[in-house]
Structure formats: structure tokens, C-alpha cells
Amino acid sequence: MQNKLIKRNIFYKKLKFFIKRLFRPKFLYLLSKTNKPLSNLYGLERGDAIDRFYIEGFLENNKNNIQGKCLELLNNEYTRKFGVAVNKSDILDIDKNNTRANIIGDIKNLTSIQDNQYDCIILTQVLQFIDDVDQAIKECHRILKVNGVLLVTLPSVSRIDCMSGQDGDFWRFTEASANYIFSKHFNKERIEIKTCGNATICAKFILGFAQEEISKKELEYNDSSFPLLVTIKATK
């Protein structure tokens, strides 16, 4: 009798688990014939955005460079999360209403910042919103100290940004375009460029799947012909 109860409990647990998975939003979406995405917010309603897996992996791998005097845009979340031996963490924004920013300025024309000031600058998913990318990279190079490091991630595939909209989201990048534009300001031998992602990941990111809805095996498989994003480590 007891064995029957145990087996019955196991059966109901498995059934409950199956029903839960079956009726999760992504399964319902895949069964539908809609042309709309599963999410308009990168899947943030249900978990973490897929691209953050690669962005944070890139910063984790380069955390020893996030030290000394650092600069980050909008907030200093990644400086605090991945930095080692950071003695000053500045936040840049063009928006005067950002109370977290201690430097208000345009990354294309940082007149308030002198040459050779920073050991590390972090620009994750930023440059696609800058119309004159070339000038922004030039300014970053100028304010970096000698041997200072610029850590950048750029989208290869993405929906038009929710906040910036169609008038403020300018660019998508490849390994070749990143190499071209960064080599104009940094020594080619001091630039490390990598791509992350694959065809399945790109498709699911566009559709609005959350990171938690994708297997680690899928996330870790890399196909340079189908990059989701590009990472750049450029040393002055």
C-alpha cells in the first residue's frame, strides 16, 4: 500500500511538472501562429536578457582590468560587480536628470575630462546609440591612461531598442566593422575582438526569450557566422 502511494505521488509530481512546463509562456508562444514576439522587453518579464549572459561573461573574463580609476555610462553596476581594486568609479551621462551620474557630458566631446585619466572604461551595449561612433571611440582613447583598457560590447543582432526607439538606435556591428573602427584609434596588436552566439540564440533573442528559458549548452555554443554580439578589449 505504501509503495503504491509513493508511486502515485511520484506520478502526480511528474504530471504537475509536465503541465507547468507545457503551459509556460514560451511553449504557448511556439504553438501559436502569431507574427509578434514573445516579449517586447528582451524577456525581462520572465528572467534575464540573453545578451547579458555574454556581456557578463566577457566582463568576468576581464575583471582584472577593471581596476584603479574607472568610467561607466548611466550607472556603475558592472564596475561594482566585476571590479577589483577600484579606487574611483565615475559615472557619465548626457542626461542631467540622472542623479547617479557625477559627470554630465557627451561621450563624443568630453571637454570636462582631461587626457590620460582612466585605467578602465566600460561601454556595454552603448555605441549603437551614438551617431558618430568614430568620435566617441577617439574620445575614449584620449581619456584613457597609457595601458588603460576599454571594454566594449556591441550588438550584431537585436530588436530596435525599447527606450531609444527608431530615431535613437543607429548601428549593428560585425567583427570586421568593429576591427575597422577601433583600429583607427588603437594599435591593432592591442585589440582583442570576439563574437558570441549562434543562429538559435539570435532567433530566440529577437523573439524575446529569457535567458532562463534556454539551455546552457545552447548559450555556450558559438558560431562566428551568426553572432549575437561582439566583444572588444582595446588597450591604449
Protein backbone atom coordinates (compact mmCIF):
# COMPACT_ATOMS: atom_id res chain seq x y z
CA MET A 1 0.00 0.00 0.00
CA GLN A 2 2.78 2.38 0.95
CA ASN A 3 4.65 1.64 -2.28
CA LYS A 4 1.51 2.41 -4.28
CA LEU A 5 1.15 5.76 -2.51
CA ILE A 6 4.80 6.59 -3.18
CA LYS A 7 4.42 5.68 -6.87
CA ARG A 8 1.21 7.69 -7.08
CA ASN A 9 2.88 10.74 -5.52
CA ILE A 10 5.80 10.45 -7.94
CA PHE A 11 3.36 10.19 -10.87
CA TYR A 12 1.46 13.34 -9.79
CA LYS A 13 4.68 15.26 -9.27
CA LYS A 14 5.83 14.35 -12.77
CA LEU A 15 2.42 15.25 -14.18
CA LYS A 16 2.45 18.57 -12.36
CA PHE A 17 5.95 19.31 -13.65
CA PHE A 18 4.91 18.43 -17.23
CA ILE A 19 1.81 20.65 -17.09
CA LYS A 20 3.83 23.51 -15.63
CA ARG A 21 6.35 23.29 -18.47
CA LEU A 22 3.68 22.83 -21.11
CA PHE A 23 1.84 25.98 -20.16
CA ARG A 24 4.81 28.24 -19.62
CA PRO A 25 4.64 31.29 -21.95
CA LYS A 26 7.34 30.09 -24.37
CA PHE A 27 5.52 26.82 -25.10
CA LEU A 28 2.22 28.57 -25.71
CA TYR A 29 4.03 31.02 -27.96
CA LEU A 30 5.65 28.28 -30.03
CA LEU A 31 2.25 26.68 -30.55
CA SER A 32 0.74 29.93 -31.78
CA LYS A 33 0.92 31.36 -35.31
CA THR A 34 1.49 34.96 -34.27
CA ASN A 35 4.00 37.21 -36.01
CA LYS A 36 4.53 39.18 -32.82
CA PRO A 37 7.44 38.45 -30.44
CA LEU A 38 7.06 36.59 -27.18
CA SER A 39 8.31 39.73 -25.42
CA ASN A 40 8.90 43.36 -26.31
CA LEU A 41 11.33 43.73 -23.41
CA TYR A 42 14.04 41.16 -24.18
CA GLY A 43 12.28 38.60 -21.98
CA LEU A 44 12.86 40.68 -18.84
CA GLU A 45 9.32 39.98 -17.64
CA ARG A 46 10.34 36.35 -17.10
CA GLY A 47 14.07 36.50 -16.36
CA ASP A 48 17.36 37.91 -17.61
CA ALA A 49 18.02 39.09 -21.17
CA ILE A 50 20.01 36.59 -23.26
CA ASP A 51 22.71 39.06 -24.28
CA ARG A 52 23.62 39.64 -20.60
CA PHE A 53 24.99 36.10 -20.45
CA TYR A 54 27.72 37.05 -22.92
CA ILE A 55 28.23 40.59 -21.62
CA GLU A 56 28.77 39.45 -18.05
CA GLY A 57 30.93 36.53 -19.18
CA PHE A 58 33.14 38.98 -21.07
CA LEU A 59 33.49 41.27 -18.04
CA GLU A 60 34.17 38.32 -15.74
CA ASN A 61 36.99 37.20 -18.04
CA ASN A 62 38.46 40.72 -17.98
CA LYS A 63 37.76 41.67 -14.37
CA ASN A 64 41.47 42.15 -13.61
CA ASN A 65 41.40 45.11 -15.98
CA ILE A 66 38.54 46.76 -14.09
CA GLN A 67 40.73 48.47 -11.53
CA GLY A 68 42.08 51.85 -10.49
CA LYS A 69 40.06 54.77 -11.83
CA CYS A 70 37.07 53.57 -13.87
CA LEU A 71 34.37 55.16 -16.00
CA GLU A 72 30.99 53.66 -16.89
CA LEU A 73 27.86 55.10 -18.52
CA LEU A 74 24.44 55.59 -16.85
CA ASN A 75 25.44 53.71 -13.69
CA ASN A 76 28.42 51.83 -12.26
CA GLU A 77 26.68 48.47 -11.83
CA TYR A 78 29.33 46.48 -13.69
CA THR A 79 32.25 48.37 -12.16
CA ARG A 80 30.95 47.42 -8.72
CA LYS A 81 30.11 43.84 -9.71
CA PHE A 82 33.30 42.91 -11.53
CA GLY A 83 35.88 45.48 -10.45
CA VAL A 84 38.99 44.56 -8.47
CA ALA A 85 40.95 47.21 -6.57
CA VAL A 86 38.82 50.06 -7.95
CA ASN A 87 39.72 53.30 -6.17
CA LYS A 88 37.40 55.64 -8.08
CA SER A 89 34.24 54.90 -10.04
CA ASP A 90 32.88 57.71 -12.21
CA ILE A 91 29.51 57.64 -13.95
CA LEU A 92 28.94 59.53 -17.21
CA ASP A 93 25.60 60.53 -18.70
CA ILE A 94 24.41 63.21 -21.09
CA ASP A 95 21.13 63.35 -19.15
CA LYS A 96 21.24 65.95 -16.36
CA ASN A 97 18.36 64.18 -14.62
CA ASN A 98 20.47 61.11 -13.88
CA THR A 99 21.25 61.69 -10.21
CA ARG A 100 23.71 58.77 -10.18
CA ALA A 101 25.99 60.43 -12.74
CA ASN A 102 28.81 62.57 -11.35
CA ILE A 103 29.92 63.63 -14.85
CA ILE A 104 27.38 65.18 -17.22
CA GLY A 105 28.66 65.24 -20.77
CA ASP A 106 28.58 63.91 -24.31
CA ILE A 107 30.82 60.91 -24.90
CA LYS A 108 31.68 62.40 -28.31
CA ASN A 109 33.03 65.60 -26.74
CA LEU A 110 34.16 65.16 -23.15
CA THR A 111 35.56 68.66 -22.65
CA SER A 112 35.35 68.35 -18.86
CA ILE A 113 37.73 65.36 -18.78
CA GLN A 114 41.47 65.82 -19.31
CA ASP A 115 43.70 63.42 -21.25
CA ASN A 116 45.01 60.19 -19.69
CA GLN A 117 42.58 59.94 -16.76
CA TYR A 118 41.18 56.39 -16.64
CA ASP A 119 42.56 52.91 -16.11
CA CYS A 120 39.36 51.33 -17.46
CA ILE A 121 36.27 52.42 -19.38
CA ILE A 122 33.26 50.10 -19.63
CA LEU A 123 30.86 50.54 -22.56
CA THR A 124 28.37 47.68 -22.70
CA GLN A 125 25.74 47.99 -25.45
CA VAL A 126 26.28 51.76 -25.73
CA LEU A 127 27.85 52.66 -29.06
CA GLN A 128 24.84 51.58 -31.13
CA PHE A 129 23.09 54.68 -29.75
CA ILE A 130 25.88 57.09 -30.74
CA ASP A 131 25.53 58.65 -34.18
CA ASP A 132 29.25 59.47 -34.52
CA VAL A 133 30.79 56.25 -33.19
CA ASP A 134 34.23 57.15 -34.53
CA GLN A 135 34.39 60.34 -32.46
CA ALA A 136 33.19 58.53 -29.33
CA ILE A 137 35.97 55.93 -29.61
CA LYS A 138 38.50 58.70 -30.25
CA GLU A 139 37.44 60.44 -27.02
CA CYS A 140 37.64 57.19 -25.05
CA HIS A 141 41.17 56.65 -26.32
CA ARG A 142 42.11 60.21 -25.34
CA ILE A 143 40.92 59.96 -21.74
CA LEU A 144 42.43 56.51 -21.13
CA LYS A 145 45.79 56.32 -19.42
CA VAL A 146 48.64 54.61 -21.24
CA ASN A 147 47.95 50.87 -20.86
CA GLY A 148 44.39 51.72 -19.87
CA VAL A 149 41.70 49.34 -21.16
CA LEU A 150 38.45 49.98 -22.99
CA LEU A 151 35.93 47.12 -22.56
CA VAL A 152 33.13 47.23 -25.12
CA THR A 153 30.21 45.07 -26.20
CA LEU A 154 28.28 45.78 -29.40
CA PRO A 155 25.10 44.19 -30.81
CA SER A 156 25.17 42.26 -34.05
CA VAL A 157 21.52 41.23 -33.78
CA SER A 158 18.83 42.99 -31.75
CA ARG A 159 15.37 44.45 -31.92
CA ILE A 160 15.14 48.27 -32.10
CA ASP A 161 15.79 49.39 -28.54
CA CYS A 162 12.70 49.83 -26.39
CA MET A 163 13.85 53.11 -24.85
CA SER A 164 15.77 54.82 -27.67
CA GLY A 165 13.26 53.89 -30.35
CA GLN A 166 13.63 54.08 -34.10
CA ASP A 167 15.20 57.54 -34.06
CA GLY A 168 17.89 56.74 -31.50
CA ASP A 169 19.11 53.23 -32.31
CA PHE A 170 21.71 53.69 -35.09
CA TRP A 171 24.02 50.73 -35.58
CA ARG A 172 24.63 46.98 -35.60
CA PHE A 173 28.18 45.61 -35.78
CA THR A 174 30.22 42.68 -37.06
CA GLU A 175 33.72 41.53 -36.16
CA ALA A 176 35.02 43.23 -39.33
CA SER A 177 33.34 46.58 -38.68
CA ALA A 178 34.48 46.58 -35.04
CA ASN A 179 38.04 45.82 -36.12
CA TYR A 180 37.92 48.60 -38.72
CA ILE A 181 36.63 51.35 -36.45
CA PHE A 182 38.69 50.52 -33.34
CA SER A 183 41.88 50.12 -35.38
CA LYS A 184 41.58 53.78 -36.37
CA HIS A 185 42.38 54.78 -32.80
CA PHE A 186 44.05 51.79 -31.11
CA ASN A 187 47.07 49.75 -32.18
CA LYS A 188 45.74 46.64 -33.96
CA GLU A 189 48.04 44.43 -31.91
CA ARG A 190 46.39 45.72 -28.73
CA ILE A 191 42.82 44.97 -29.78
CA GLU A 192 41.07 41.68 -28.94
CA ILE A 193 37.77 41.08 -30.72
CA LYS A 194 35.48 38.09 -30.26
CA THR A 195 31.95 37.16 -31.27
CA CYS A 196 29.32 35.39 -29.16
CA GLY A 197 26.18 33.49 -30.04
CA ASN A 198 24.72 31.28 -32.74
CA ALA A 199 21.70 31.13 -35.06
CA THR A 200 19.33 29.69 -32.44
CA ILE A 201 20.37 32.24 -29.83
CA CYS A 202 19.93 35.13 -32.28
CA ALA A 203 16.45 33.94 -33.19
CA LYS A 204 15.37 33.46 -29.58
CA PHE A 205 16.78 36.83 -28.54
CA ILE A 206 14.81 38.58 -31.29
CA LEU A 207 11.67 36.68 -30.28
CA GLY A 208 12.05 37.74 -26.65
CA PHE A 209 13.04 34.53 -24.89
CA ALA A 210 14.56 34.94 -21.44
CA GLN A 211 17.99 33.58 -20.57
CA GLU A 212 16.43 31.12 -18.12
CA GLU A 213 14.39 29.55 -20.94
CA ILE A 214 17.48 28.45 -22.85
CA SER A 215 19.85 25.61 -22.03
CA LYS A 216 23.44 26.34 -21.08
CA LYS A 217 24.54 24.14 -23.98
CA GLU A 218 22.72 26.42 -26.41
CA LEU A 219 24.20 29.53 -24.80
CA GLU A 220 27.77 28.22 -24.81
CA TYR A 221 27.78 27.10 -28.46
CA ASN A 222 29.49 29.73 -30.62
CA ASP A 223 29.08 30.15 -34.38
CA SER A 224 31.01 33.15 -35.73
CA SER A 225 28.73 33.26 -38.79
CA PHE A 226 25.75 34.05 -36.55
CA PRO A 227 26.97 36.42 -33.81
CA LEU A 228 24.55 37.92 -31.32
CA LEU A 229 27.14 40.42 -30.17
CA VAL A 230 30.78 41.44 -30.49
CA THR A 231 33.17 42.00 -27.58
CA ILE A 232 36.20 44.30 -27.78
CA LYS A 233 39.10 44.75 -25.40
CA ALA A 234 41.22 47.66 -26.61
CA THR A 235 44.36 48.70 -24.70
CA LYS A 236 45.92 52.12 -25.15
